[in-house]
C-alpha atoms as a PDB file:
ATOM      1  CA  MET A   1      34.614 130.759 -29.655  1.00  0.00           C
ATOM      2  CA  LYS A   2      35.604 127.307 -28.562  1.00  0.00           C
ATOM      3  CA  ASN A   3      39.133 126.419 -27.703  1.00  0.00           C
ATOM      4  CA  LYS A   4      40.763 123.812 -29.959  1.00  0.00           C
ATOM      5  CA  LYS A   5      41.668 121.746 -26.904  1.00  0.00           C
ATOM      6  CA  ASP A   6      37.972 121.411 -25.969  1.00  0.00           C
ATOM      7  CA  LYS A   7      37.163 119.062 -28.852  1.00  0.00           C
ATOM      8  CA  LYS A   8      35.587 115.856 -27.608  1.00  0.00           C
ATOM      9  CA  ILE A   9      36.352 112.563 -29.265  1.00  0.00           C
ATOM     10  CA  THR A  10      33.115 110.680 -29.787  1.00  0.00           C
ATOM     11  CA  GLY A  11      34.211 107.385 -31.375  1.00  0.00           C
ATOM     12  CA  ALA A  12      34.862 103.998 -29.841  1.00  0.00           C
ATOM     13  CA  LYS A  13      37.683 103.187 -27.441  1.00  0.00           C
ATOM     14  CA  VAL A  14      40.202 101.158 -29.449  1.00  0.00           C
ATOM     15  CA  CYS A  15      43.445  99.407 -28.503  1.00  0.00           C
ATOM     16  CA  ILE A  16      46.203 100.472 -30.901  1.00  0.00           C
ATOM     17  CA  ILE A  17      47.977  97.104 -30.723  1.00  0.00           C
ATOM     18  CA  CYS A  18      45.137  94.615 -31.326  1.00  0.00           C
ATOM     19  CA  ARG A  19      42.828  97.216 -32.945  1.00  0.00           C
ATOM     20  CA  GLY A  20      39.948  95.743 -30.975  1.00  0.00           C
ATOM     21  CA  GLU A  21      37.196  97.790 -29.401  1.00  0.00           C
ATOM     22  CA  MET A  22      37.479  97.893 -25.632  1.00  0.00           C
ATOM     23  CA  LYS A  23      34.506  97.347 -23.374  1.00  0.00           C
ATOM     24  CA  ASP A  24      36.281  98.292 -20.136  1.00  0.00           C
ATOM     25  CA  SER A  25      38.889 101.053 -20.351  1.00  0.00           C
ATOM     26  CA  LYS A  26      39.384 101.526 -16.595  1.00  0.00           C
ATOM     27  CA  ASN A  27      42.705  99.692 -16.463  1.00  0.00           C
ATOM     28  CA  ALA A  28      43.777 100.605 -19.998  1.00  0.00           C
ATOM     29  CA  VAL A  29      46.281 103.369 -20.673  1.00  0.00           C
ATOM     30  CA  LYS A  30      45.260 106.288 -22.882  1.00  0.00           C
ATOM     31  CA  ILE A  31      47.521 107.322 -25.765  1.00  0.00           C
ATOM     32  CA  LYS A  32      48.744 110.927 -25.819  1.00  0.00           C
ATOM     33  CA  ASP A  33      47.378 113.091 -28.611  1.00  0.00           C
ATOM     34  CA  ASP A  34      50.729 114.374 -29.847  1.00  0.00           C
ATOM     35  CA  GLN A  35      51.473 116.342 -33.028  1.00  0.00           C
ATOM     36  CA  ILE A  36      51.599 113.253 -35.241  1.00  0.00           C
ATOM     37  CA  ILE A  37      48.271 111.846 -34.067  1.00  0.00           C
ATOM     38  CA  THR A  38      46.663 115.290 -34.251  1.00  0.00           C
ATOM     39  CA  SER A  39      47.956 115.714 -37.814  1.00  0.00           C
ATOM     40  CA  ILE A  40      46.634 112.299 -38.841  1.00  0.00           C
ATOM     41  CA  ARG A  41      43.240 113.159 -37.333  1.00  0.00           C
ATOM     42  CA  LYS A  42      43.117 116.471 -39.260  1.00  0.00           C
ATOM     43  CA  ILE A  43      44.035 114.788 -42.549  1.00  0.00           C
ATOM     44  CA  LYS A  44      41.384 112.103 -42.021  1.00  0.00           C
ATOM     45  CA  GLU A  45      38.763 114.741 -41.168  1.00  0.00           C
ATOM     46  CA  LYS A  46      39.523 116.664 -44.368  1.00  0.00           C
ATOM     47  CA  MET A  47      39.209 113.442 -46.362  1.00  0.00           C
ATOM     48  CA  ASN A  48      35.978 112.478 -44.536  1.00  0.00           C
ATOM     49  CA  MET A  49      37.583 109.280 -43.221  1.00  0.00           C
ATOM     50  CA  ALA A  50      37.684 110.196 -39.536  1.00  0.00           C
ATOM     51  CA  THR A  51      36.354 107.605 -37.088  1.00  0.00           C
ATOM     52  CA  LYS A  52      37.130 109.775 -34.027  1.00  0.00           C
ATOM     53  CA  ASN A  53      38.205 106.806 -31.920  1.00  0.00           C
ATOM     54  CA  GLU A  54      39.845 107.219 -28.539  1.00  0.00           C
ATOM     55  CA  LEU A  55      43.194 105.446 -28.618  1.00  0.00           C
ATOM     56  CA  TYR A  56      44.225 103.203 -25.727  1.00  0.00           C
ATOM     57  CA  VAL A  57      46.549 100.315 -24.931  1.00  0.00           C
ATOM     58  CA  CYS A  58      44.599  97.481 -23.320  1.00  0.00           C
ATOM     59  CA  ASN A  59      45.876  95.492 -20.339  1.00  0.00           C
ATOM     60  CA  GLN A  60      47.007  92.524 -22.424  1.00  0.00           C
ATOM     61  CA  HIS A  61      49.267  94.695 -24.603  1.00  0.00           C
ATOM     62  CA  LYS A  62      50.781  97.214 -22.153  1.00  0.00           C
ATOM     63  CA  GLU A  63      54.116  95.420 -21.944  1.00  0.00           C
ATOM     64  CA  GLU A  64      54.350  94.947 -25.720  1.00  0.00           C
ATOM     65  CA  HIS A  65      53.578  98.645 -26.266  1.00  0.00           C
ATOM     66  CA  MET A  66      56.258  99.720 -23.804  1.00  0.00           C
ATOM     67  CA  LYS A  67      58.810  97.521 -25.621  1.00  0.00           C
ATOM     68  CA  ARG A  68      57.811  99.063 -28.958  1.00  0.00           C
ATOM     69  CA  ARG A  69      58.039 102.573 -27.510  1.00  0.00           C
ATOM     70  CA  LYS A  70      61.521 101.931 -26.059  1.00  0.00           C
ATOM     71  CA  SER A  71      62.609 100.476 -29.400  1.00  0.00           C
ATOM     72  CA  PHE A  72      61.260 103.563 -31.200  1.00  0.00           C
ATOM     73  CA  GLU A  73      63.070 105.965 -28.853  1.00  0.00           C
ATOM     74  CA  LYS A  74      66.324 104.003 -29.197  1.00  0.00           C
ATOM     75  CA  SER A  75      66.094 103.909 -32.993  1.00  0.00           C
ATOM     76  CA  ILE A  76      65.402 107.662 -33.180  1.00  0.00           C
ATOM     77  CA  LEU A  77      68.459 108.338 -31.008  1.00  0.00           C
ATOM     78  CA  LEU A  78      70.700 106.069 -33.094  1.00  0.00           C
ATOM     79  CA  THR A  79      69.365 107.562 -36.332  1.00  0.00           C
ATOM     80  CA  ALA A  80      69.999 111.084 -35.036  1.00  0.00           C
ATOM     81  CA  ILE A  81      73.591 110.126 -34.191  1.00  0.00           C
ATOM     82  CA  LEU A  82      74.052 108.548 -37.639  1.00  0.00           C
ATOM     83  CA  ALA A  83      72.533 111.613 -39.341  1.00  0.00           C
ATOM     84  CA  PHE A  84      74.878 113.901 -37.389  1.00  0.00           C
ATOM     85  CA  VAL A  85      77.918 111.785 -38.321  1.00  0.00           C
ATOM     86  CA  ILE A  86      76.944 111.835 -42.015  1.00  0.00           C
ATOM     87  CA  PHE A  87      76.407 115.594 -41.873  1.00  0.00           C
ATOM     88  CA  VAL A  88      79.767 116.180 -40.180  1.00  0.00           C
ATOM     89  CA  LEU A  89      81.610 113.895 -42.626  1.00  0.00           C
ATOM     90  CA  LEU A  90      80.068 115.554 -45.666  1.00  0.00           C
ATOM     91  CA  SER A  91      80.745 118.997 -44.197  1.00  0.00           C
ATOM     92  CA  ILE A  92      84.341 118.463 -43.028  1.00  0.00           C
ATOM     93  CA  ILE A  93      85.969 115.997 -45.449  1.00  0.00           C
ATOM     94  CA  PRO A  94      85.593 118.111 -48.647  1.00  0.00           C
ATOM     95  CA  PRO A  95      87.307 121.197 -47.125  1.00  0.00           C
ATOM     96  CA  ILE A  96      90.146 119.011 -45.816  1.00  0.00           C
ATOM     97  CA  THR A  97      90.708 117.215 -49.121  1.00  0.00           C
ATOM     98  CA  THR A  98      90.122 120.083 -51.562  1.00  0.00           C
ATOM     99  CA  GLY A  99      90.896 123.118 -49.436  1.00  0.00           C
ATOM    100  CA  ASN A 100      87.631 124.939 -50.083  1.00  0.00           C
ATOM    101  CA  ILE A 101      84.173 124.728 -48.558  1.00  0.00           C
ATOM    102  CA  ASN A 102      81.619 122.929 -50.713  1.00  0.00           C
ATOM    103  CA  LEU A 103      78.091 124.187 -50.024  1.00  0.00           C
ATOM    104  CA  SER A 104      76.484 121.359 -51.989  1.00  0.00           C
ATOM    105  CA  SER A 105      78.035 118.657 -49.777  1.00  0.00           C
ATOM    106  CA  ILE A 106      76.873 120.504 -46.650  1.00  0.00           C
ATOM    107  CA  LEU A 107      73.314 120.709 -48.017  1.00  0.00           C
ATOM    108  CA  LEU A 108      73.467 117.066 -49.127  1.00  0.00           C
ATOM    109  CA  GLY A 109      74.560 115.992 -45.642  1.00  0.00           C
ATOM    110  CA  LEU A 110      71.733 117.994 -44.101  1.00  0.00           C
ATOM    111  CA  LEU A 111      69.192 116.555 -46.562  1.00  0.00           C
ATOM    112  CA  ILE A 112      70.350 112.967 -45.971  1.00  0.00           C
ATOM    113  CA  GLY A 113      70.182 113.466 -42.197  1.00  0.00           C
ATOM    114  CA  ILE A 114      66.662 114.896 -42.315  1.00  0.00           C
ATOM    115  CA  MET A 115      65.460 112.152 -44.649  1.00  0.00           C
ATOM    116  CA  LEU A 116      66.919 109.441 -42.393  1.00  0.00           C
ATOM    117  CA  LEU A 117      65.133 110.873 -39.359  1.00  0.00           C
ATOM    118  CA  LEU A 118      61.812 111.269 -41.183  1.00  0.00           C
ATOM    119  CA  LEU A 119      61.955 107.794 -42.694  1.00  0.00           C
ATOM    120  CA  ASN A 120      62.775 106.193 -39.360  1.00  0.00           C
ATOM    121  CA  GLY A 121      60.051 108.206 -37.652  1.00  0.00           C
ATOM    122  CA  PHE A 122      57.415 107.139 -40.163  1.00  0.00           C
ATOM    123  CA  ILE A 123      58.377 103.477 -40.099  1.00  0.00           C
ATOM    124  CA  LYS A 124      58.844 102.899 -36.364  1.00  0.00           C
ATOM    125  CA  TYR A 125      56.558 105.547 -34.806  1.00  0.00           C
ATOM    126  CA  THR A 126      54.927 104.377 -31.596  1.00  0.00           C
ATOM    127  CA  PRO A 127      52.932 106.993 -29.655  1.00  0.00           C
ATOM    128  CA  ASP A 128      53.576 107.656 -25.989  1.00  0.00           C
ATOM    129  CA  VAL A 129      50.998 106.999 -23.270  1.00  0.00           C
ATOM    130  CA  GLU A 130      49.528 109.482 -20.830  1.00  0.00           C
ATOM    131  CA  VAL A 131      50.911 109.229 -17.334  1.00  0.00           C
ATOM    132  CA  LYS A 132      48.234 108.565 -14.731  1.00  0.00           C
ATOM    133  CA  LYS A 133      48.382 111.019 -11.848  1.00  0.00           C
END
């Protein structure tokens, strides 16, 4: 049996910013195959749309990618804080004002928080790069 990690990617080497095929990937930075990219690959394979490209960031776009990644990380942090505040407000204000705990407002706060995080993650997702050793 083969290990799932042993799968080789056989497609072209593509920059994720300019979407151009790269001739020389020596100075380019490889993109990490995280859970999101792995999930997208699996969905595309099941739909017979997989191109099996290796994802890189070419030299011309390294700085732009790092800016996008920092922006993504910052927006996820701010969205998580906002989601927590909404959850706390919807969980604490009803018991203070009415005197009894309202399960529906707690679940609504949790649902709104999760939806905010998912929506922000889908819109601004920028994958991380592998660190060269």
